[in-house]
Amino acid sequence: MSLENAKSLDETGWRLLQELRRNARLSYAELGRRVALSLPAVTERVRRMEEAGIITGYQAEVDLAQLGVPVLAIVHLRGIGGQSCRQAVDRVMEIPEALECYRVTGDDSIIVKVVATSLDHLARVIDQLSLSGVPSTSIVRSKPMKRHVIPHEILERGEDEEESPPQQFA
Protein backbone atom coordinates (compact mmCIF):
# COMPACT_ATOMS: atom_id res chain seq x y z
CA MET A 1 0.00 0.00 0.00
CA SER A 2 1.48 3.34 -0.92
CA LEU A 3 1.68 6.02 1.73
CA GLU A 4 -0.80 8.11 -0.27
CA ASN A 5 -3.35 5.26 -0.32
CA ALA A 6 -2.85 4.62 3.38
CA LYS A 7 -3.34 8.28 4.25
CA SER A 8 -6.47 8.48 2.10
CA LEU A 9 -8.22 5.79 4.14
CA ASP A 10 -10.59 7.11 6.76
CA GLU A 11 -11.27 5.44 10.09
CA THR A 12 -13.98 3.23 8.56
CA GLY A 13 -11.64 2.12 5.76
CA TRP A 14 -9.02 1.11 8.31
CA ARG A 15 -11.65 -0.78 10.32
CA LEU A 16 -12.72 -2.62 7.15
CA LEU A 17 -9.11 -3.64 6.52
CA GLN A 18 -8.67 -4.79 10.10
CA GLU A 19 -11.82 -6.92 9.99
CA LEU A 20 -10.80 -8.46 6.65
CA ARG A 21 -7.28 -9.20 7.98
CA ARG A 22 -8.85 -10.97 10.95
CA ASN A 23 -11.27 -12.95 8.78
CA ALA A 24 -11.36 -12.47 5.00
CA ARG A 25 -14.34 -14.84 4.74
CA LEU A 26 -16.76 -12.44 6.41
CA SER A 27 -19.81 -11.75 4.31
CA TYR A 28 -20.26 -8.15 3.25
CA ALA A 29 -23.39 -8.06 5.39
CA GLU A 30 -21.45 -9.12 8.51
CA LEU A 31 -18.60 -6.80 7.62
CA GLY A 32 -21.10 -3.94 7.34
CA ARG A 33 -22.55 -4.77 10.76
CA ARG A 34 -19.07 -4.69 12.31
CA VAL A 35 -18.14 -1.31 10.85
CA ALA A 36 -21.64 0.26 10.76
CA LEU A 37 -22.04 0.47 6.98
CA SER A 38 -24.77 -0.69 4.62
CA LEU A 39 -24.20 -3.65 2.31
CA PRO A 40 -23.85 -1.43 -0.80
CA ALA A 41 -21.40 0.88 1.01
CA VAL A 42 -19.22 -2.04 2.14
CA THR A 43 -19.28 -3.56 -1.35
CA GLU A 44 -18.23 -0.25 -2.92
CA ARG A 45 -15.47 0.47 -0.40
CA VAL A 46 -13.95 -3.01 -0.70
CA ARG A 47 -14.11 -2.79 -4.51
CA ARG A 48 -12.34 0.59 -4.45
CA MET A 49 -9.62 -0.76 -2.12
CA GLU A 50 -9.11 -3.70 -4.48
CA GLU A 51 -8.89 -1.40 -7.51
CA ALA A 52 -6.44 0.89 -5.70
CA GLY A 53 -4.21 -2.11 -4.95
CA ILE A 54 -4.67 -1.81 -1.19
CA ILE A 55 -6.35 -5.23 -1.03
CA THR A 56 -4.34 -7.55 -3.25
CA GLY A 57 -5.94 -10.91 -2.46
CA TYR A 58 -7.60 -13.22 0.01
CA GLN A 59 -6.10 -16.42 1.34
CA ALA A 60 -6.73 -19.29 3.69
CA GLU A 61 -4.43 -19.87 6.66
CA VAL A 62 -3.24 -23.45 6.63
CA ASP A 63 -1.81 -25.64 9.38
CA LEU A 64 1.32 -26.92 7.64
CA ALA A 65 1.80 -29.78 10.10
CA GLN A 66 -1.72 -31.03 9.27
CA LEU A 67 -0.68 -31.04 5.60
CA GLY A 68 2.31 -33.25 6.41
CA VAL A 69 5.01 -30.55 6.28
CA PRO A 70 5.75 -29.83 9.95
CA VAL A 71 9.23 -28.35 9.42
CA LEU A 72 9.27 -24.60 8.76
CA ALA A 73 12.60 -22.84 8.25
CA ILE A 74 13.99 -19.45 7.31
CA VAL A 75 17.00 -19.67 5.01
CA HIS A 76 19.29 -16.68 4.52
CA LEU A 77 21.28 -16.71 1.29
CA ARG A 78 24.38 -14.60 0.92
CA GLY A 79 27.12 -14.44 -1.67
CA ILE A 80 24.96 -15.32 -4.64
CA GLY A 81 28.16 -15.90 -6.61
CA GLY A 82 28.26 -14.15 -9.95
CA GLN A 83 24.57 -14.46 -10.72
CA SER A 84 22.17 -11.59 -10.56
CA CYS A 85 19.71 -11.41 -7.70
CA ARG A 86 16.94 -11.94 -10.29
CA GLN A 87 18.58 -15.18 -11.47
CA ALA A 88 18.94 -16.40 -7.89
CA VAL A 89 15.31 -15.54 -7.12
CA ASP A 90 14.16 -17.31 -10.31
CA ARG A 91 16.02 -20.44 -9.20
CA VAL A 92 14.47 -20.23 -5.71
CA MET A 93 10.98 -19.85 -7.19
CA GLU A 94 11.38 -23.23 -8.92
CA ILE A 95 11.67 -24.99 -5.54
CA PRO A 96 8.20 -26.17 -4.46
CA GLU A 97 9.13 -26.07 -0.78
CA ALA A 98 9.85 -22.34 -0.98
CA LEU A 99 6.80 -20.49 0.35
CA GLU A 100 8.08 -16.92 0.37
CA CYS A 101 11.16 -15.17 -0.96
CA TYR A 102 12.49 -11.72 -0.08
CA ARG A 103 15.31 -9.69 -1.64
CA VAL A 104 16.93 -7.85 1.25
CA THR A 105 19.71 -5.45 2.11
CA GLY A 106 22.59 -6.20 4.46
CA ASP A 107 24.85 -9.24 4.56
CA ASP A 108 22.20 -11.48 3.00
CA SER A 109 20.89 -11.12 -0.53
CA ILE A 110 17.79 -13.30 -0.27
CA ILE A 111 15.70 -14.71 2.57
CA VAL A 112 13.49 -17.73 1.86
CA LYS A 113 10.73 -19.28 3.98
CA VAL A 114 10.62 -23.03 3.30
CA VAL A 115 8.70 -26.09 4.47
CA ALA A 116 9.73 -29.73 4.63
CA THR A 117 8.39 -33.08 5.76
CA SER A 118 11.48 -33.88 7.87
CA LEU A 119 14.95 -32.63 8.72
CA ASP A 120 16.38 -34.87 5.97
CA HIS A 121 13.97 -33.31 3.50
CA LEU A 122 15.00 -29.85 4.75
CA ALA A 123 18.66 -30.75 4.15
CA ARG A 124 17.84 -31.57 0.51
CA VAL A 125 15.97 -28.25 0.14
CA ILE A 126 18.97 -26.39 1.60
CA ASP A 127 21.21 -28.20 -0.89
CA GLN A 128 19.01 -26.88 -3.70
CA LEU A 129 19.05 -23.37 -2.24
CA SER A 130 22.84 -23.47 -1.94
CA LEU A 131 22.96 -23.26 -5.75
CA SER A 132 21.64 -19.71 -5.32
CA GLY A 133 23.93 -18.61 -2.46
CA VAL A 134 25.57 -19.61 0.79
CA PRO A 135 22.76 -20.72 3.12
CA SER A 136 22.29 -20.04 6.81
CA THR A 137 19.20 -21.77 8.19
CA SER A 138 16.98 -21.18 11.21
CA ILE A 139 14.31 -23.75 12.02
CA VAL A 140 11.09 -22.20 13.32
CA ARG A 141 10.13 -23.76 16.67
CA SER A 142 6.88 -21.85 17.16
CA LYS A 143 4.91 -18.89 15.88
CA PRO A 144 3.89 -16.91 18.97
CA MET A 145 2.54 -14.03 16.88
CA LYS A 146 0.04 -14.85 14.19
CA ARG A 147 -0.78 -12.57 11.29
CA HIS A 148 -0.88 -9.10 12.76
CA VAL A 149 -3.63 -6.62 11.99
CA ILE A 150 -2.01 -3.38 10.82
CA PRO A 151 -3.41 -0.36 12.66
CA HIS A 152 -3.42 3.06 11.01
CA GLU A 153 -1.65 4.48 14.06
CA ILE A 154 1.58 3.18 12.52
CA LEU A 155 1.42 6.03 10.01
CA GLU A 156 0.94 8.58 12.79
CA ARG A 157 3.85 7.16 14.76
CA GLY A 158 6.07 7.37 11.69
CA GLU A 159 5.07 10.99 11.11
CA ASP A 160 5.67 11.85 14.79
CA GLU A 161 9.22 10.55 14.57
CA GLU A 162 9.92 12.56 11.43
CA GLU A 163 8.69 15.79 13.00
CA SER A 164 10.30 15.45 16.43
CA PRO A 165 13.91 16.57 16.93
CA PRO A 166 16.51 13.88 17.60
CA GLN A 167 16.94 12.96 21.24
CA GLN A 168 20.15 13.97 22.96
CA PHE A 169 21.84 11.37 25.14
CA ALA A 170 24.06 12.30 28.05
Foldseek 3Di string as FASTA:
>chain_A
DDPVVLVPDDPLLLLLLLVCLVPVPDDLCVSCVVSVHHSVVSVVSVVVCCVVVVDPDHDDDDDVVVVQFNWKKKKFFACQDPDDLVVLVVQLVVDPQFDDKDQDDDRTGMITIGTGNDVVRVVVSVVSSVNRGDIDMDIDPDDPDDDDRDGSCVVVVVVVVVPDDDDDDD
